[in-house]
Amino acid sequence: MMPHRLMAAAKTAAAILAMILTGRAAAAQALSVLPVNIFLPPGQKATTLTVTNQGKSETAIQVRAYAWNQPDGEDQLTDVSGG
């Protein structure tokens, strides 16, 4: 089983990817997000996530940070962007 921090980072990355891909799907954007899996060792609070627009037109994206908890098996996201 993945440690809590690793699972939280993986779920956050998946949520970001889902928001990016579904938010502009109708406009036929060609976006890629790397890395697909994010692993944060204990004590590390940040990492790099690269979003590349491979399409022919400009696009805008928005990324939000969430703390992920899973009390009683239910996903719980808390906005941690501070804004």
PDB file of N, CA and C in Angstrom:
ATOM      1  N   MET A   1       0.842  -1.187   0.000  1.00  0.00           N
ATOM      2  CA  MET A   1       0.000   0.000   0.000  1.00  0.00           C
ATOM      3  C   MET A   1       0.880   1.240   0.000  1.00  0.00           C
ATOM      4  N   MET A   2       0.487   2.264  -0.756  1.00  0.00           N
ATOM      5  CA  MET A   2       1.263   3.497  -0.842  1.00  0.00           C
ATOM      6  C   MET A   2       1.117   4.302   0.444  1.00  0.00           C
ATOM      7  N   PRO A   3       2.219   4.918   0.901  1.00  0.00           N
ATOM      8  CA  PRO A   3       2.103   5.814   2.050  1.00  0.00           C
ATOM      9  C   PRO A   3       1.142   6.952   1.743  1.00  0.00           C
ATOM     10  N   HIS A   4       0.565   7.531   2.772  1.00  0.00           N
ATOM     11  CA  HIS A   4      -0.462   8.578   2.638  1.00  0.00           C
ATOM     12  C   HIS A   4      -0.009   9.729   1.746  1.00  0.00           C
ATOM     13  N   ARG A   5       1.198  10.251   1.939  1.00  0.00           N
ATOM     14  CA  ARG A   5       1.684  11.391   1.156  1.00  0.00           C
ATOM     15  C   ARG A   5       1.797  11.038  -0.324  1.00  0.00           C
ATOM     16  N   LEU A   6       2.280   9.848  -0.624  1.00  0.00           N
ATOM     17  CA  LEU A   6       2.430   9.445  -2.023  1.00  0.00           C
ATOM     18  C   LEU A   6       1.069   9.298  -2.682  1.00  0.00           C
ATOM     19  N   MET A   7       0.137   8.709  -1.979  1.00  0.00           N
ATOM     20  CA  MET A   7      -1.202   8.536  -2.525  1.00  0.00           C
ATOM     21  C   MET A   7      -1.869   9.897  -2.713  1.00  0.00           C
ATOM     22  N   ALA A   8      -1.658  10.806  -1.770  1.00  0.00           N
ATOM     23  CA  ALA A   8      -2.232  12.145  -1.885  1.00  0.00           C
ATOM     24  C   ALA A   8      -1.666  12.863  -3.098  1.00  0.00           C
ATOM     25  N   ALA A   9      -0.369  12.757  -3.313  1.00  0.00           N
ATOM     26  CA  ALA A   9       0.254  13.401  -4.466  1.00  0.00           C
ATOM     27  C   ALA A   9      -0.256  12.798  -5.767  1.00  0.00           C
ATOM     28  N   ALA A  10      -0.411  11.486  -5.800  1.00  0.00           N
ATOM     29  CA  ALA A  10      -0.909  10.824  -7.004  1.00  0.00           C
ATOM     30  C   ALA A  10      -2.343  11.243  -7.299  1.00  0.00           C
ATOM     31  N   LYS A  11      -3.180  11.319  -6.275  1.00  0.00           N
ATOM     32  CA  LYS A  11      -4.569  11.740  -6.481  1.00  0.00           C
ATOM     33  C   LYS A  11      -4.646  13.202  -6.901  1.00  0.00           C
ATOM     34  N   THR A  12      -3.776  14.035  -6.337  1.00  0.00           N
ATOM     35  CA  THR A  12      -3.758  15.444  -6.721  1.00  0.00           C
ATOM     36  C   THR A  12      -3.375  15.585  -8.189  1.00  0.00           C
ATOM     37  N   ALA A  13      -2.353  14.853  -8.601  1.00  0.00           N
ATOM     38  CA  ALA A  13      -1.931  14.906 -10.008  1.00  0.00           C
ATOM     39  C   ALA A  13      -3.041  14.425 -10.925  1.00  0.00           C
ATOM     40  N   ALA A  14      -3.729  13.376 -10.533  1.00  0.00           N
ATOM     41  CA  ALA A  14      -4.835  12.865 -11.344  1.00  0.00           C
ATOM     42  C   ALA A  14      -5.966  13.881 -11.428  1.00  0.00           C
ATOM     43  N   ALA A  15      -6.240  14.567 -10.319  1.00  0.00           N
ATOM     44  CA  ALA A  15      -7.299  15.583 -10.326  1.00  0.00           C
ATOM     45  C   ALA A  15      -6.928  16.757 -11.220  1.00  0.00           C
ATOM     46  N   ILE A  16      -5.668  17.171 -11.164  1.00  0.00           N
ATOM     47  CA  ILE A  16      -5.199  18.272 -12.015  1.00  0.00           C
ATOM     48  C   ILE A  16      -5.308  17.883 -13.480  1.00  0.00           C
ATOM     49  N   LEU A  17      -4.846  16.685 -13.789  1.00  0.00           N
ATOM     50  CA  LEU A  17      -4.918  16.210 -15.171  1.00  0.00           C
ATOM     51  C   LEU A  17      -6.361  16.146 -15.652  1.00  0.00           C
ATOM     52  N   ALA A  18      -7.253  15.660 -14.828  1.00  0.00           N
ATOM     53  CA  ALA A  18      -8.665  15.577 -15.213  1.00  0.00           C
ATOM     54  C   ALA A  18      -9.257  16.964 -15.452  1.00  0.00           C
ATOM     55  N   MET A  19      -8.912  17.935 -14.594  1.00  0.00           N
ATOM     56  CA  MET A  19      -9.426  19.297 -14.772  1.00  0.00           C
ATOM     57  C   MET A  19      -8.906  19.911 -16.065  1.00  0.00           C
ATOM     58  N   ILE A  20      -7.636  19.686 -16.344  1.00  0.00           N
ATOM     59  CA  ILE A  20      -7.039  20.260 -17.551  1.00  0.00           C
ATOM     60  C   ILE A  20      -7.662  19.643 -18.798  1.00  0.00           C
ATOM     61  N   LEU A  21      -7.769  18.343 -18.827  1.00  0.00           N
ATOM     62  CA  LEU A  21      -8.248  17.674 -20.025  1.00  0.00           C
ATOM     63  C   LEU A  21      -9.739  17.862 -20.252  1.00  0.00           C
ATOM     64  N   THR A  22     -10.542  17.908 -19.201  1.00  0.00           N
ATOM     65  CA  THR A  22     -11.981  18.068 -19.392  1.00  0.00           C
ATOM     66  C   THR A  22     -12.391  19.523 -19.538  1.00  0.00           C
ATOM     67  N   GLY A  23     -11.618  20.426 -19.002  1.00  0.00           N
ATOM     68  CA  GLY A  23     -11.957  21.839 -19.066  1.00  0.00           C
ATOM     69  C   GLY A  23     -11.902  22.425 -20.468  1.00  0.00           C
ATOM     70  N   ARG A  24     -11.098  21.872 -21.332  1.00  0.00           N
ATOM     71  CA  ARG A  24     -10.931  22.403 -22.675  1.00  0.00           C
ATOM     72  C   ARG A  24     -11.140  21.346 -23.754  1.00  0.00           C
ATOM     73  N   ALA A  25     -11.763  20.246 -23.439  1.00  0.00           N
ATOM     74  CA  ALA A  25     -11.922  19.162 -24.406  1.00  0.00           C
ATOM     75  C   ALA A  25     -12.703  19.603 -25.635  1.00  0.00           C
ATOM     76  N   ALA A  26     -13.705  20.448 -25.475  1.00  0.00           N
ATOM     77  CA  ALA A  26     -14.521  20.885 -26.602  1.00  0.00           C
ATOM     78  C   ALA A  26     -13.721  21.715 -27.591  1.00  0.00           C
ATOM     79  N   ALA A  27     -12.665  22.371 -27.144  1.00  0.00           N
ATOM     80  CA  ALA A  27     -11.844  23.194 -28.015  1.00  0.00           C
ATOM     81  C   ALA A  27     -10.735  22.387 -28.693  1.00  0.00           C
ATOM     82  N   ALA A  28     -10.681  21.094 -28.454  1.00  0.00           N
ATOM     83  CA  ALA A  28      -9.713  20.183 -29.072  1.00  0.00           C
ATOM     84  C   ALA A  28      -8.268  20.595 -28.793  1.00  0.00           C
ATOM     85  N   GLN A  29      -7.961  20.886 -27.543  1.00  0.00           N
ATOM     86  CA  GLN A  29      -6.599  21.222 -27.152  1.00  0.00           C
ATOM     87  C   GLN A  29      -5.763  19.957 -27.075  1.00  0.00           C
ATOM     88  N   ALA A  30      -4.469  20.113 -27.267  1.00  0.00           N
ATOM     89  CA  ALA A  30      -3.541  18.988 -27.157  1.00  0.00           C
ATOM     90  C   ALA A  30      -2.564  19.297 -26.029  1.00  0.00           C
ATOM     91  N   LEU A  31      -2.959  18.983 -24.803  1.00  0.00           N
ATOM     92  CA  LEU A  31      -2.138  19.252 -23.631  1.00  0.00           C
ATOM     93  C   LEU A  31      -1.547  17.965 -23.089  1.00  0.00           C
ATOM     94  N   SER A  32      -0.316  18.054 -22.604  1.00  0.00           N
ATOM     95  CA  SER A  32       0.277  16.911 -21.918  1.00  0.00           C
ATOM     96  C   SER A  32       0.774  17.378 -20.559  1.00  0.00           C
ATOM     97  N   VAL A  33       0.706  16.484 -19.589  1.00  0.00           N
ATOM     98  CA  VAL A  33       1.126  16.787 -18.221  1.00  0.00           C
ATOM     99  C   VAL A  33       2.158  15.749 -17.808  1.00  0.00           C
ATOM    100  N   LEU A  34       3.304  16.217 -17.336  1.00  0.00           N
ATOM    101  CA  LEU A  34       4.371  15.328 -16.884  1.00  0.00           C
ATOM    102  C   LEU A  34       4.922  15.823 -15.564  1.00  0.00           C
ATOM    103  N   PRO A  35       5.294  14.989 -14.666  1.00  0.00           N
ATOM    104  CA  PRO A  35       5.145  13.534 -14.700  1.00  0.00           C
ATOM    105  C   PRO A  35       3.710  13.132 -14.381  1.00  0.00           C
ATOM    106  N   VAL A  36       3.351  11.931 -14.768  1.00  0.00           N
ATOM    107  CA  VAL A  36       2.012  11.418 -14.496  1.00  0.00           C
ATOM    108  C   VAL A  36       1.890  11.056 -13.018  1.00  0.00           C
ATOM    109  N   ASN A  37       2.915  10.455 -12.457  1.00  0.00           N
ATOM    110  CA  ASN A  37       2.942  10.115 -11.032  1.00  0.00           C
ATOM    111  C   ASN A  37       3.894  11.054 -10.314  1.00  0.00           C
ATOM    112  N   ILE A  38       3.430  11.623  -9.215  1.00  0.00           N
ATOM    113  CA  ILE A  38       4.265  12.515  -8.414  1.00  0.00           C
ATOM    114  C   ILE A  38       4.532  11.838  -7.077  1.00  0.00           C
ATOM    115  N   PHE A  39       5.800  11.727  -6.725  1.00  0.00           N
ATOM    116  CA  PHE A  39       6.180  11.118  -5.458  1.00  0.00           C
ATOM    117  C   PHE A  39       6.917  12.151  -4.627  1.00  0.00           C
ATOM    118  N   LEU A  40       6.376  12.465  -3.453  1.00  0.00           N
ATOM    119  CA  LEU A  40       6.985  13.424  -2.541  1.00  0.00           C
ATOM    120  C   LEU A  40       7.495  12.688  -1.308  1.00  0.00           C
ATOM    121  N   PRO A  41       8.801  12.680  -1.104  1.00  0.00           N
ATOM    122  CA  PRO A  41       9.306  12.048   0.114  1.00  0.00           C
ATOM    123  C   PRO A  41       8.935  12.875   1.334  1.00  0.00           C
ATOM    124  N   PRO A  42       8.964  12.289   2.515  1.00  0.00           N
ATOM    125  CA  PRO A  42       8.633  13.033   3.736  1.00  0.00           C
ATOM    126  C   PRO A  42       9.462  14.320   3.833  1.00  0.00           C
ATOM    127  N   GLY A  43       8.800  15.414   4.129  1.00  0.00           N
ATOM    128  CA  GLY A  43       9.474  16.693   4.281  1.00  0.00           C
ATOM    129  C   GLY A  43       9.494  17.544   3.022  1.00  0.00           C
ATOM    130  N   GLN A  44       9.324  16.938   1.851  1.00  0.00           N
ATOM    131  CA  GLN A  44       9.310  17.710   0.607  1.00  0.00           C
ATOM    132  C   GLN A  44       7.916  18.287   0.400  1.00  0.00           C
ATOM    133  N   LYS A  45       7.841  19.605   0.197  1.00  0.00           N
ATOM    134  CA  LYS A  45       6.546  20.262   0.103  1.00  0.00           C
ATOM    135  C   LYS A  45       6.212  20.733  -1.304  1.00  0.00           C
ATOM    136  N   ALA A  46       7.134  20.583  -2.245  1.00  0.00           N
ATOM    137  CA  ALA A  46       6.871  21.060  -3.600  1.00  0.00           C
ATOM    138  C   ALA A  46       7.583  20.171  -4.615  1.00  0.00           C
ATOM    139  N   THR A  47       7.076  20.208  -5.830  1.00  0.00           N
ATOM    140  CA  THR A  47       7.709  19.510  -6.948  1.00  0.00           C
ATOM    141  C   THR A  47       7.307  20.230  -8.232  1.00  0.00           C
ATOM    142  N   THR A  48       7.847  19.798  -9.337  1.00  0.00           N
ATOM    143  CA  THR A  48       7.547  20.427 -10.621  1.00  0.00           C
ATOM    144  C   THR A  48       6.570  19.574 -11.410  1.00  0.00           C
ATOM    145  N   LEU A  49       5.582  20.221 -11.968  1.00  0.00           N
ATOM    146  CA  LEU A  49       4.605  19.588 -12.846  1.00  0.00           C
ATOM    147  C   LEU A  49       4.654  20.379 -14.148  1.00  0.00           C
ATOM    148  N   THR A  50       4.971  19.725 -15.259  1.00  0.00           N
ATOM    149  CA  THR A  50       5.109  20.410 -16.539  1.00  0.00           C
ATOM    150  C   THR A  50       3.873  20.185 -17.391  1.00  0.00           C
ATOM    151  N   VAL A  51       3.257  21.276 -17.840  1.00  0.00           N
ATOM    152  CA  VAL A  51       2.105  21.217 -18.731  1.00  0.00           C
ATOM    153  C   VAL A  51       2.553  21.800 -20.073  1.00  0.00           C
ATOM    154  N   THR A  52       2.404  21.016 -21.131  1.00  0.00           N
ATOM    155  CA  THR A  52       2.839  21.442 -22.459  1.00  0.00           C
ATOM    156  C   THR A  52       1.639  21.503 -23.396  1.00  0.00           C
ATOM    157  N   ASN A  53       1.506  22.621 -24.094  1.00  0.00           N
ATOM    158  CA  ASN A  53       0.459  22.784 -25.096  1.00  0.00           C
ATOM    159  C   ASN A  53       1.048  22.368 -26.436  1.00  0.00           C
ATOM    160  N   GLN A  54       0.607  21.238 -26.964  1.00  0.00           N
ATOM    161  CA  GLN A  54       1.105  20.741 -28.238  1.00  0.00           C
ATOM    162  C   GLN A  54       0.174  21.107 -29.386  1.00  0.00           C
ATOM    163  N   GLY A  55      -0.825  21.906 -29.076  1.00  0.00           N
ATOM    164  CA  GLY A  55      -1.779  22.334 -30.090  1.00  0.00           C
ATOM    165  C   GLY A  55      -1.291  23.555 -30.837  1.00  0.00           C
ATOM    166  N   LYS A  56      -2.109  24.016 -31.776  1.00  0.00           N
ATOM    167  CA  LYS A  56      -1.755  25.158 -32.617  1.00  0.00           C
ATOM    168  C   LYS A  56      -2.262  26.484 -32.068  1.00  0.00           C
ATOM    169  N   SER A  57      -3.135  26.445 -31.062  1.00  0.00           N
ATOM    170  CA  SER A  57      -3.681  27.683 -30.514  1.00  0.00           C
ATOM    171  C   SER A  57      -3.294  27.838 -29.047  1.00  0.00           C
ATOM    172  N   GLU A  58      -3.300  29.087 -28.594  1.00  0.00           N
ATOM    173  CA  GLU A  58      -2.995  29.375 -27.191  1.00  0.00           C
ATOM    174  C   GLU A  58      -4.122  28.868 -26.309  1.00  0.00           C
ATOM    175  N   THR A  59      -3.784  28.555 -25.090  1.00  0.00           N
ATOM    176  CA  THR A  59      -4.791  28.135 -24.128  1.00  0.00           C
ATOM    177  C   THR A  59      -4.378  28.617 -22.742  1.00  0.00           C
ATOM    178  N   ALA A  60      -5.321  28.670 -21.843  1.00  0.00           N
ATOM    179  CA  ALA A  60      -5.044  29.036 -20.458  1.00  0.00           C
ATOM    180  C   ALA A  60      -5.451  27.870 -19.568  1.00  0.00           C
ATOM    181  N   ILE A  61      -4.679  27.640 -18.532  1.00  0.00           N
ATOM    182  CA  ILE A  61      -5.019  26.581 -17.572  1.00  0.00           C
ATOM    183  C   ILE A  61      -4.957  27.174 -16.176  1.00  0.00           C
ATOM    184  N   GLN A  62      -5.580  26.491 -15.257  1.00  0.00           N
ATOM    185  CA  GLN A  62      -5.565  26.890 -13.854  1.00  0.00           C
ATOM    186  C   GLN A  62      -5.312  25.645 -13.028  1.00  0.00           C
ATOM    187  N   VAL A  63      -4.418  25.753 -12.062  1.00  0.00           N
ATOM    188  CA  VAL A  63      -4.085  24.628 -11.196  1.00  0.00           C
ATOM    189  C   VAL A  63      -4.387  25.035  -9.758  1.00  0.00           C
ATOM    190  N   ARG A  64      -5.047  24.166  -9.035  1.00  0.00           N
ATOM    191  CA  ARG A  64      -5.335  24.403  -7.623  1.00  0.00           C
ATOM    192  C   ARG A  64      -4.772  23.260  -6.796  1.00  0.00           C
ATOM    193  N   ALA A  65      -4.260  23.599  -5.632  1.00  0.00           N
ATOM    194  CA  ALA A  65      -3.712  22.591  -4.730  1.00  0.00           C
ATOM    195  C   ALA A  65      -4.765  22.179  -3.709  1.00  0.00           C
ATOM    196  N   TYR A  66      -4.851  20.893  -3.452  1.00  0.00           N
ATOM    197  CA  TYR A  66      -5.784  20.355  -2.472  1.00  0.00           C
ATOM    198  C   TYR A  66      -5.061  19.389  -1.547  1.00  0.00           C
ATOM    199  N   ALA A  67      -5.419  19.428  -0.282  1.00  0.00           N
ATOM    200  CA  ALA A  67      -4.977  18.397   0.655  1.00  0.00           C
ATOM    201  C   ALA A  67      -5.976  17.256   0.529  1.00  0.00           C
ATOM    202  N   TRP A  68      -5.480  16.055   0.472  1.00  0.00           N
ATOM    203  CA  TRP A  68      -6.354  14.895   0.293  1.00  0.00           C
ATOM    204  C   TRP A  68      -6.324  14.038   1.546  1.00  0.00           C
ATOM    205  N   ASN A  69      -7.483  13.721   2.047  1.00  0.00           N
ATOM    206  CA  ASN A  69      -7.643  12.810   3.181  1.00  0.00           C
ATOM    207  C   ASN A  69      -8.702  11.795   2.789  1.00  0.00           C
ATOM    208  N   GLN A  70      -8.695  10.661   3.491  1.00  0.00           N
ATOM    209  CA  GLN A  70      -9.664   9.627   3.181  1.00  0.00           C
ATOM    210  C   GLN A  70     -10.231   9.027   4.467  1.00  0.00           C
ATOM    211  N   PRO A  71     -10.968   9.856   5.233  1.00  0.00           N
ATOM    212  CA  PRO A  71     -11.568   9.334   6.458  1.00  0.00           C
ATOM    213  C   PRO A  71     -12.686   8.351   6.124  1.00  0.00           C
ATOM    214  N   ASP A  72     -12.680   7.225   6.768  1.00  0.00           N
ATOM    215  CA  ASP A  72     -13.702   6.189   6.578  1.00  0.00           C
ATOM    216  C   ASP A  72     -13.855   5.777   5.117  1.00  0.00           C
ATOM    217  N   GLY A  73     -12.756   5.863   4.340  1.00  0.00           N
ATOM    218  CA  GLY A  73     -12.787   5.420   2.950  1.00  0.00           C
ATOM    219  C   GLY A  73     -13.400   6.404   1.981  1.00  0.00           C
ATOM    220  N   GLU A  74     -13.793   7.584   2.446  1.00  0.00           N
ATOM    221  CA  GLU A  74     -14.384   8.602   1.579  1.00  0.00           C
ATOM    222  C   GLU A  74     -13.341   9.673   1.251  1.00  0.00           C
ATOM    223  N   ASP A  75     -13.195  10.002  -0.029  1.00  0.00           N
ATOM    224  CA  ASP A  75     -12.257  11.041  -0.423  1.00  0.00           C
ATOM    225  C   ASP A  75     -12.713  12.401   0.096  1.00  0.00           C
ATOM    226  N   GLN A  76     -11.778  13.149   0.650  1.00  0.00           N
ATOM    227  CA  GLN A  76     -12.067  14.487   1.160  1.00  0.00           C
ATOM    228  C   GLN A  76     -10.953  15.415   0.676  1.00  0.00           C
ATOM    229  N   LEU A  77     -11.315  16.400  -0.159  1.00  0.00           N
ATOM    230  CA  LEU A  77     -10.360  17.379  -0.681  1.00  0.00           C
ATOM    231  C   LEU A  77     -10.577  18.712   0.017  1.00  0.00           C
ATOM    232  N   THR A  78      -9.470  19.334   0.456  1.00  0.00           N
ATOM    233  CA  THR A  78      -9.519  20.624   1.112  1.00  0.00           C
ATOM    234  C   THR A  78      -8.628  21.587   0.353  1.00  0.00           C
ATOM    235  N   ASP A  79      -9.189  22.711  -0.101  1.00  0.00           N
ATOM    236  CA  ASP A  79      -8.427  23.703  -0.856  1.00  0.00           C
ATOM    237  C   ASP A  79      -7.321  24.273   0.030  1.00  0.00           C
ATOM    238  N   VAL A  80      -6.098  24.231  -0.433  1.00  0.00           N
ATOM    239  CA  VAL A  80      -4.960  24.743   0.336  1.00  0.00           C
ATOM    240  C   VAL A  80      -4.253  25.874  -0.400  1.00  0.00           C
ATOM    241  N   SER A  81      -4.908  26.463  -1.401  1.00  0.00           N
ATOM    242  CA  SER A  81      -4.266  27.501  -2.201  1.00  0.00           C
ATOM    243  C   SER A  81      -4.101  28.810  -1.438  1.00  0.00           C
ATOM    244  N   GLY A  82      -4.853  28.996  -0.379  1.00  0.00           N
ATOM    245  CA  GLY A  82      -4.710  30.196   0.439  1.00  0.00           C
ATOM    246  C   GLY A  82      -5.282  31.443  -0.212  1.00  0.00           C
ATOM    247  N   GLY A  83      -6.081  31.272  -1.232  1.00  0.00           N
ATOM    248  CA  GLY A  83      -6.599  32.451  -1.882  1.00  0.00           C
ATOM    249  C   GLY A  83      -7.990  32.253  -2.268  1.00  0.00           C
TER     250      GLY A  83
END
